[in-house]
Amino acid sequence: MDRVVFNHDTVLSDIHLLLPNAQHLMVRLNRVGQPVFISKFKILWNGEAPEQVPAEEVCSLHEAAESEAAESEAAESEARVHGDEEEAGDKPLLDDDGDLEVPRRPKEGLSECRSRAEIFPIILSQSLGMQDHASDEEDESKLQDNITIEHTMATTLQDVGKQVWRGAFLLADYIYSHAAVFRNATVLELGAGTGLTSIIMATTAKMVYSTDVGEDLLSMCQRNVTLNRHLLTSAGGKLRIRQLDWLQDELCTEADEEFSWTEDEVVDLYNNTSVIIAADVCYDDDLTDGFFRTVYRLCNSMTKPCAIYLALEKRMNFTLRHMDVSCDAYDYFVHCLHQLQAMEGGPHRFHVQPLATSFPQCLQYERIEHLELWKVTSTPTVESLHGGLDPT
């Protein structure tokens, strides 16, 4: 497998296409038969600038293809014009349907390099001398410079949690840049996916509960925790992978379930959690509804005030309904934020505010202008503090 296969219902994160010099090692098939890849993302210590694709590489990628296409098109156009002139004299050129056919001018060479290079991922197989990706030959200092993530590529919408998305990187940047805010905190991540943000959070927080649904996805998240134990061991934080379904009212505490909650963990979650994080989880209206219901229910059951950090990418789509570019999923997300803030009569009140994204970039990725970070603050009401309201 040397190319990503796309179908009509396939989506692929730009993270996997636009990372400079990306090499993706296919390591296995997951439980449902999907290829699983492994990628390393560079941690930018001490304000190190993100790497850019060299200009000459970007130009060469496009010039070779566009030059060949232009030459071929020019030759065909010239032959068609001369042939038609000989046959029809000054008659206008018409296609088979009778429409006026205008020869297109050959494309000019790339005058200036584009800022985003459409680079095919280089997918390596284990037969290329990389038999065991876990047994890296890098020294300890190089290990500390990377976060290693297992993920899939080109999935259906139902499996996008198995990919890595830009919102997770933005939230990770914020955690790195504001480590003091999260130090020794108990943190819950909703929709953790591959676990990248949870792993970064565990380098500063006391306890992180990384949650999602699906045994295969949770197993991948657990493997990523193991791959990055070099980052967690020195920090001393704990990270536990647990199941949390936004469409269920109760946490899974069944002992025979692999990622179920213990009674002590449930008590710890409700008594000590002060931070909730989520990245790129609002791309479908039904899921967005489930997400905000879950946030509301959890916060109203917690004894402490809670800060909720939500990162997402504002994705533009052309819709036939609007006959224009729109951001339906984003608009609905903002609508739900306003609804949450307007809710009254519950044990907690919610305050919503956007956060500036001018903080330093700490991971290697492309931080685009459509990335946003929101903070929701949940605080107990006076009535609930005096036992006047039932959290349920």
Protein backbone atom coordinates (compact mmCIF):
# COMPACT_ATOMS: atom_id res chain seq x y z
CA MET A 1 0.00 0.00 0.00
CA ASP A 2 1.79 3.11 -1.22
CA ARG A 3 -1.16 5.48 -1.65
CA VAL A 4 -4.12 6.43 0.49
CA VAL A 5 -7.33 5.07 -1.04
CA PHE A 6 -10.26 7.52 -1.20
CA ASN A 7 -13.90 6.59 -1.60
CA HIS A 8 -16.98 8.82 -1.99
CA ASP A 9 -17.57 8.77 1.78
CA THR A 10 -13.92 9.13 2.82
CA VAL A 11 -12.51 12.00 4.88
CA LEU A 12 -8.84 12.67 5.55
CA SER A 13 -7.30 15.13 7.99
CA ASP A 14 -4.99 17.76 6.48
CA ILE A 15 -2.54 16.91 9.25
CA HIS A 16 -1.58 13.74 7.36
CA LEU A 17 -1.20 15.47 3.99
CA LEU A 18 0.46 18.76 4.80
CA LEU A 19 3.05 17.77 7.39
CA PRO A 20 6.49 18.54 5.91
CA ASN A 21 8.48 15.43 5.00
CA ALA A 22 5.78 13.20 6.51
CA GLN A 23 6.46 9.49 6.59
CA HIS A 24 3.68 7.21 7.77
CA LEU A 25 4.59 3.66 8.75
CA MET A 26 1.80 1.14 8.37
CA VAL A 27 2.18 -1.09 11.40
CA ARG A 28 -0.87 -3.33 11.53
CA LEU A 29 -4.55 -3.83 10.78
CA ASN A 30 -6.95 -2.98 13.59
CA ARG A 31 -9.81 -5.17 14.79
CA VAL A 32 -12.10 -4.01 12.01
CA GLY A 33 -9.52 -4.45 9.25
CA GLN A 34 -8.44 -0.81 8.86
CA PRO A 35 -4.74 -0.07 8.20
CA VAL A 36 -3.10 1.60 11.21
CA PHE A 37 -0.21 4.00 10.70
CA ILE A 38 2.26 5.62 13.05
CA SER A 39 3.49 9.21 12.81
CA LYS A 40 5.87 11.34 14.86
CA PHE A 41 5.07 14.97 15.55
CA LYS A 42 7.88 17.26 16.61
CA ILE A 43 7.65 19.15 19.89
CA LEU A 44 8.98 22.69 19.49
CA TRP A 45 10.88 23.48 22.66
CA ASN A 46 11.94 26.99 23.68
CA GLY A 47 9.89 28.78 21.03
CA GLU A 48 11.48 26.94 18.11
CA ALA A 49 9.89 27.99 14.84
CA PRO A 50 7.76 25.42 12.97
CA GLU A 51 9.45 23.85 9.96
CA GLN A 52 8.18 24.87 6.54
CA VAL A 53 8.25 22.86 3.35
CA PRO A 54 11.26 24.18 1.40
CA ALA A 55 10.15 26.51 -1.39
CA GLU A 56 12.06 24.63 -4.04
CA GLU A 57 10.35 21.38 -3.04
CA VAL A 58 6.92 22.97 -3.23
CA CYS A 59 7.67 24.47 -6.63
CA SER A 60 9.07 21.25 -8.04
CA LEU A 61 5.98 19.31 -6.96
CA HIS A 62 3.68 21.63 -8.88
CA GLU A 63 5.91 22.71 -11.76
CA ALA A 64 6.52 19.17 -12.94
CA ALA A 65 2.82 18.35 -13.08
CA GLU A 66 1.66 21.71 -14.40
CA SER A 67 4.39 21.96 -17.04
CA GLU A 68 3.54 18.56 -18.43
CA ALA A 69 -0.19 19.35 -18.41
CA ALA A 70 0.36 22.75 -20.03
CA GLU A 71 2.51 21.35 -22.83
CA SER A 72 0.00 18.63 -23.58
CA GLU A 73 -2.93 21.03 -23.51
CA ALA A 74 -1.14 23.57 -25.68
CA ALA A 75 -0.31 20.95 -28.30
CA GLU A 76 -3.88 19.64 -28.39
CA SER A 77 -5.31 23.15 -28.56
CA GLU A 78 -3.02 24.21 -31.39
CA ALA A 79 -3.76 21.10 -33.37
CA ARG A 80 -7.49 21.55 -32.86
CA VAL A 81 -7.39 25.22 -33.91
CA HIS A 82 -5.37 24.59 -37.06
CA GLY A 83 -7.47 21.62 -38.00
CA ASP A 84 -10.73 23.50 -37.58
CA GLU A 85 -9.43 26.54 -39.45
CA GLU A 86 -8.55 24.41 -42.45
CA GLU A 87 -11.98 22.79 -42.48
CA ALA A 88 -14.24 25.70 -41.53
CA GLY A 89 -12.34 28.84 -42.43
CA ASP A 90 -13.67 31.65 -40.23
CA LYS A 91 -16.58 29.65 -38.75
CA PRO A 92 -16.76 29.63 -34.93
CA LEU A 93 -15.59 26.49 -33.17
CA LEU A 94 -18.47 24.41 -31.79
CA ASP A 95 -18.42 21.28 -29.68
CA ASP A 96 -20.64 18.21 -30.18
CA ASP A 97 -23.55 19.93 -28.39
CA GLY A 98 -23.35 23.07 -30.50
CA ASP A 99 -21.78 25.20 -27.78
CA LEU A 100 -19.02 27.67 -28.58
CA GLU A 101 -15.66 26.10 -27.85
CA VAL A 102 -12.91 28.47 -26.76
CA PRO A 103 -9.36 27.07 -26.71
CA ARG A 104 -7.86 27.56 -23.28
CA ARG A 105 -4.57 29.35 -22.89
CA PRO A 106 -1.79 27.11 -21.52
CA LYS A 107 -1.18 27.59 -17.85
CA GLU A 108 1.80 29.72 -16.97
CA GLY A 109 4.54 28.40 -14.79
CA LEU A 110 4.15 28.70 -11.07
CA SER A 111 5.13 32.32 -10.43
CA GLU A 112 5.26 32.04 -6.71
CA CYS A 113 5.25 29.08 -4.41
CA ARG A 114 2.10 28.16 -2.58
CA SER A 115 2.13 28.23 1.21
CA ARG A 116 0.49 24.82 1.52
CA ALA A 117 2.00 21.88 -0.31
CA GLU A 118 -0.25 19.01 -1.31
CA ILE A 119 2.16 16.25 -0.46
CA PHE A 120 1.27 12.59 -0.70
CA PRO A 121 2.14 10.83 2.55
CA ILE A 122 5.03 8.41 2.15
CA ILE A 123 3.63 5.17 3.51
CA LEU A 124 6.34 2.79 4.58
CA SER A 125 5.86 -0.94 5.04
CA GLN A 126 7.58 -3.08 7.62
CA SER A 127 9.53 -4.76 4.84
CA LEU A 128 11.61 -1.59 4.42
CA GLY A 129 13.83 -2.44 7.35
CA MET A 130 11.56 -0.97 10.02
CA GLN A 131 10.34 -4.19 11.56
CA ASP A 132 9.58 -2.85 15.02
CA HIS A 133 8.51 0.76 15.26
CA ALA A 134 8.54 0.59 19.05
CA SER A 135 12.25 -0.24 19.18
CA ASP A 136 13.55 3.12 17.99
CA GLU A 137 17.28 3.63 17.68
CA GLU A 138 16.96 7.23 18.78
CA ASP A 139 18.57 8.33 21.98
CA GLU A 140 16.58 9.63 24.94
CA SER A 141 17.00 13.28 23.98
CA LYS A 142 15.42 12.67 20.55
CA LEU A 143 12.53 10.75 22.10
CA GLN A 144 11.71 13.77 24.22
CA ASP A 145 11.42 15.88 21.06
CA ASN A 146 8.56 13.88 19.55
CA ILE A 147 5.10 12.63 20.34
CA THR A 148 4.35 9.34 18.57
CA ILE A 149 0.78 8.61 17.54
CA GLU A 150 -0.90 5.59 16.00
CA HIS A 151 -3.83 6.52 13.77
CA THR A 152 -5.78 5.53 10.71
CA MET A 153 -6.08 7.52 7.49
CA ALA A 154 -8.90 8.19 5.03
CA THR A 155 -11.77 6.94 7.19
CA THR A 156 -15.52 7.29 6.99
CA LEU A 157 -17.15 10.00 9.09
CA GLN A 158 -18.00 7.48 11.81
CA ASP A 159 -14.30 6.72 12.37
CA VAL A 160 -12.77 10.21 12.21
CA GLY A 161 -11.79 9.87 15.88
CA LYS A 162 -9.05 7.49 14.72
CA GLN A 163 -7.33 10.31 12.81
CA VAL A 164 -5.38 13.30 14.16
CA TRP A 165 -6.99 16.73 13.71
CA ARG A 166 -5.70 20.27 13.96
CA GLY A 167 -7.95 21.18 16.88
CA ALA A 168 -6.07 18.68 19.05
CA PHE A 169 -2.78 20.43 18.22
CA LEU A 170 -4.17 23.86 19.03
CA LEU A 171 -5.43 22.65 22.40
CA ALA A 172 -2.09 20.94 23.06
CA ASP A 173 -0.32 24.24 22.30
CA TYR A 174 -2.51 25.99 24.85
CA ILE A 175 -1.75 23.34 27.48
CA TYR A 176 1.99 23.62 26.88
CA SER A 177 1.82 27.43 26.96
CA HIS A 178 -0.30 27.57 30.13
CA ALA A 179 1.07 24.60 32.04
CA ALA A 180 0.70 26.36 35.40
CA VAL A 181 -3.08 26.54 34.91
CA PHE A 182 -3.36 22.74 34.73
CA ARG A 183 -0.64 21.71 37.16
CA ASN A 184 -1.86 19.07 39.66
CA ALA A 185 -5.41 19.26 38.26
CA THR A 186 -7.82 16.39 37.64
CA VAL A 187 -8.83 16.61 33.98
CA LEU A 188 -11.48 14.92 31.84
CA GLU A 189 -11.16 14.79 28.05
CA LEU A 190 -14.32 14.11 26.06
CA GLY A 191 -13.93 12.57 22.60
CA ALA A 192 -10.21 11.98 23.07
CA GLY A 193 -9.76 10.02 19.84
CA THR A 194 -6.11 9.00 19.46
CA GLY A 195 -5.30 10.56 22.84
CA LEU A 196 -2.79 13.18 21.67
CA THR A 197 -4.21 16.01 23.79
CA SER A 198 -4.65 13.78 26.84
CA ILE A 199 -1.01 12.73 26.62
CA ILE A 200 0.13 16.35 26.50
CA MET A 201 -2.18 17.21 29.41
CA ALA A 202 -0.76 14.34 31.47
CA THR A 203 2.67 15.98 31.35
CA THR A 204 1.40 18.65 33.74
CA ALA A 205 -1.89 17.48 35.32
CA LYS A 206 -2.18 15.14 38.30
CA MET A 207 -4.84 12.85 36.77
CA VAL A 208 -6.28 12.71 33.24
CA TYR A 209 -9.33 10.65 32.28
CA SER A 210 -9.16 10.22 28.50
CA THR A 211 -12.57 9.12 27.25
CA ASP A 212 -14.29 8.07 24.04
CA VAL A 213 -16.42 5.18 22.76
CA GLY A 214 -15.56 2.05 20.81
CA GLU A 215 -13.23 -0.68 22.00
CA ASP A 216 -10.97 -0.42 18.96
CA LEU A 217 -10.54 3.36 19.33
CA LEU A 218 -9.93 3.11 23.07
CA SER A 219 -7.35 0.36 22.48
CA MET A 220 -5.55 2.61 19.98
CA CYS A 221 -5.58 5.41 22.54
CA GLN A 222 -4.10 3.05 25.13
CA ARG A 223 -1.33 2.04 22.72
CA ASN A 224 -0.48 5.71 22.16
CA VAL A 225 -0.14 6.21 25.91
CA THR A 226 2.35 3.33 25.94
CA LEU A 227 4.25 4.74 22.94
CA ASN A 228 4.69 8.06 24.78
CA ARG A 229 5.52 6.80 28.25
CA HIS A 230 8.85 8.62 27.94
CA LEU A 231 6.90 11.90 28.17
CA LEU A 232 4.73 10.77 31.06
CA THR A 233 7.25 9.01 33.29
CA SER A 234 9.25 12.12 34.06
CA ALA A 235 6.09 14.20 34.62
CA GLY A 236 4.53 11.84 37.12
CA GLY A 237 0.94 12.40 36.00
CA LYS A 238 -1.55 9.55 35.66
CA LEU A 239 -3.56 8.89 32.51
CA ARG A 240 -6.44 6.42 32.36
CA ILE A 241 -8.41 5.45 29.26
CA ARG A 242 -12.11 5.12 29.98
CA GLN A 243 -15.36 4.71 28.07
CA LEU A 244 -17.80 7.62 28.11
CA ASP A 245 -20.78 7.57 25.76
CA TRP A 246 -22.45 10.97 25.22
CA LEU A 247 -25.73 9.23 24.45
CA GLN A 248 -25.83 7.45 27.82
CA ASP A 249 -26.73 9.07 31.13
CA GLU A 250 -24.55 6.83 33.29
CA LEU A 251 -20.86 5.93 33.26
CA CYS A 252 -20.03 2.33 32.39
CA THR A 253 -19.03 0.54 35.61
CA GLU A 254 -19.43 -3.05 34.39
CA ALA A 255 -16.45 -5.02 35.69
CA ASP A 256 -16.25 -7.20 32.56
CA GLU A 257 -15.83 -4.17 30.27
CA GLU A 258 -12.19 -3.41 29.40
CA PHE A 259 -12.43 0.37 29.76
CA SER A 260 -15.09 0.66 32.45
CA TRP A 261 -14.93 2.95 35.49
CA THR A 262 -14.24 1.81 39.02
CA GLU A 263 -16.31 3.20 41.87
CA ASP A 264 -13.28 5.09 43.19
CA GLU A 265 -12.70 6.69 39.77
CA VAL A 266 -16.32 7.83 39.57
CA VAL A 267 -16.02 9.46 42.99
CA ASP A 268 -12.72 11.08 42.00
CA LEU A 269 -14.24 12.35 38.73
CA TYR A 270 -17.15 14.12 40.40
CA ASN A 271 -15.29 15.36 43.48
CA ASN A 272 -11.98 16.52 42.01
CA THR A 273 -12.36 17.35 38.29
CA SER A 274 -11.71 21.04 37.65
CA VAL A 275 -10.95 20.94 33.89
CA ILE A 276 -12.75 19.42 30.91
CA ILE A 277 -11.16 19.51 27.44
CA ALA A 278 -12.36 18.56 23.97
CA ALA A 279 -10.92 19.08 20.48
CA ASP A 280 -12.68 18.92 17.11
CA VAL A 281 -15.67 17.00 18.41
CA CYS A 282 -18.50 19.16 16.98
CA TYR A 283 -18.81 18.22 13.30
CA ASP A 284 -22.29 16.67 13.39
CA ASP A 285 -25.39 18.28 14.92
CA ASP A 286 -26.56 15.13 16.71
CA LEU A 287 -23.11 14.61 18.23
CA THR A 288 -22.97 18.28 19.19
CA ASP A 289 -26.29 17.91 21.02
CA GLY A 290 -24.98 14.83 22.83
CA PHE A 291 -21.76 16.59 23.71
CA PHE A 292 -23.43 19.63 25.31
CA ARG A 293 -25.94 17.46 27.17
CA THR A 294 -23.01 15.48 28.57
CA VAL A 295 -21.13 18.64 29.59
CA TYR A 296 -24.23 20.01 31.30
CA ARG A 297 -24.93 16.76 33.14
CA LEU A 298 -21.34 16.21 34.26
CA CYS A 299 -20.77 19.79 35.43
CA ASN A 300 -24.00 19.78 37.44
CA SER A 301 -22.82 16.63 39.21
CA MET A 302 -19.37 18.01 40.06
CA THR A 303 -18.63 19.61 43.40
CA LYS A 304 -16.00 22.02 42.10
CA PRO A 305 -16.15 24.88 39.60
CA CYS A 306 -14.96 23.63 36.23
CA ALA A 307 -13.19 25.24 33.26
CA ILE A 308 -14.06 23.71 29.89
CA TYR A 309 -11.68 24.29 26.95
CA LEU A 310 -13.04 23.57 23.47
CA ALA A 311 -10.84 23.70 20.36
CA LEU A 312 -12.18 23.31 16.85
CA GLU A 313 -11.53 24.14 13.23
CA LYS A 314 -14.12 26.30 11.48
CA ARG A 315 -14.64 24.31 8.28
CA MET A 316 -16.01 26.01 5.18
CA ASN A 317 -18.29 24.05 2.86
CA PHE A 318 -20.27 24.98 -0.23
CA THR A 319 -23.90 23.94 0.24
CA LEU A 320 -26.68 23.72 -2.32
CA ARG A 321 -29.14 24.86 0.33
CA HIS A 322 -27.38 28.21 0.71
CA MET A 323 -25.76 28.27 -2.74
CA ASP A 324 -22.80 29.73 -0.90
CA VAL A 325 -19.96 28.84 1.42
CA SER A 326 -21.26 28.15 4.92
CA CYS A 327 -20.16 26.61 8.21
CA ASP A 328 -23.26 24.77 9.38
CA ALA A 329 -21.56 22.57 11.98
CA TYR A 330 -19.68 25.54 13.42
CA ASP A 331 -22.78 27.73 13.47
CA TYR A 332 -24.68 25.06 15.37
CA PHE A 333 -21.79 24.71 17.82
CA VAL A 334 -21.90 28.46 18.55
CA HIS A 335 -25.69 28.27 18.90
CA CYS A 336 -25.31 25.52 21.53
CA LEU A 337 -22.71 27.59 23.40
CA HIS A 338 -25.17 30.47 23.65
CA GLN A 339 -27.93 28.12 24.76
CA LEU A 340 -25.69 26.72 27.49
CA GLN A 341 -24.88 30.18 28.79
CA ALA A 342 -28.55 31.19 28.78
CA MET A 343 -29.71 28.18 30.82
CA GLU A 344 -31.04 29.04 34.27
CA GLY A 345 -32.42 27.11 37.23
CA GLY A 346 -29.70 24.44 37.34
CA PRO A 347 -27.09 23.76 40.01
CA HIS A 348 -24.38 25.47 37.90
CA ARG A 349 -24.20 28.60 35.77
CA PHE A 350 -22.12 28.75 32.59
CA HIS A 351 -20.11 31.62 31.16
CA VAL A 352 -18.76 31.43 27.59
CA GLN A 353 -15.81 33.33 26.14
CA PRO A 354 -13.54 32.96 23.09
CA LEU A 355 -9.81 32.82 23.76
CA ALA A 356 -7.12 34.43 21.66
CA THR A 357 -4.93 31.95 19.79
CA SER A 358 -1.79 34.08 19.83
CA PHE A 359 -0.01 31.78 22.28
CA PRO A 360 3.20 30.06 21.08
CA GLN A 361 3.06 27.06 18.78
CA CYS A 362 4.59 24.08 20.55
CA LEU A 363 3.96 21.27 18.06
CA GLN A 364 4.83 20.87 14.38
CA TYR A 365 1.65 21.42 12.34
CA GLU A 366 0.03 24.13 10.23
CA ARG A 367 -1.87 26.55 12.50
CA ILE A 368 -4.46 28.11 10.22
CA GLU A 369 -6.66 31.14 10.89
CA HIS A 370 -9.84 29.06 11.16
CA LEU A 371 -8.73 27.36 14.38
CA GLU A 372 -10.60 28.59 17.44
CA LEU A 373 -10.44 28.05 21.18
CA TRP A 374 -13.35 28.62 23.55
CA LYS A 375 -13.54 28.58 27.33
CA VAL A 376 -16.71 27.76 29.28
CA THR A 377 -16.66 28.34 33.02
CA SER A 378 -19.06 26.31 35.15
CA THR A 379 -19.68 27.61 38.69
CA PRO A 380 -22.13 26.36 41.35
CA THR A 381 -25.07 28.64 42.11
CA VAL A 382 -25.68 29.97 45.61
CA GLU A 383 -28.75 27.74 45.92
CA SER A 384 -26.81 24.58 45.08
CA LEU A 385 -24.07 25.46 47.56
CA HIS A 386 -26.70 25.61 50.29
CA GLY A 387 -28.35 22.39 49.20
CA GLY A 388 -31.35 24.07 47.62
CA LEU A 389 -31.10 22.31 44.24
CA ASP A 390 -30.89 18.66 43.27
CA PRO A 391 -27.97 18.19 40.80
CA THR A 392 -29.92 15.47 38.99
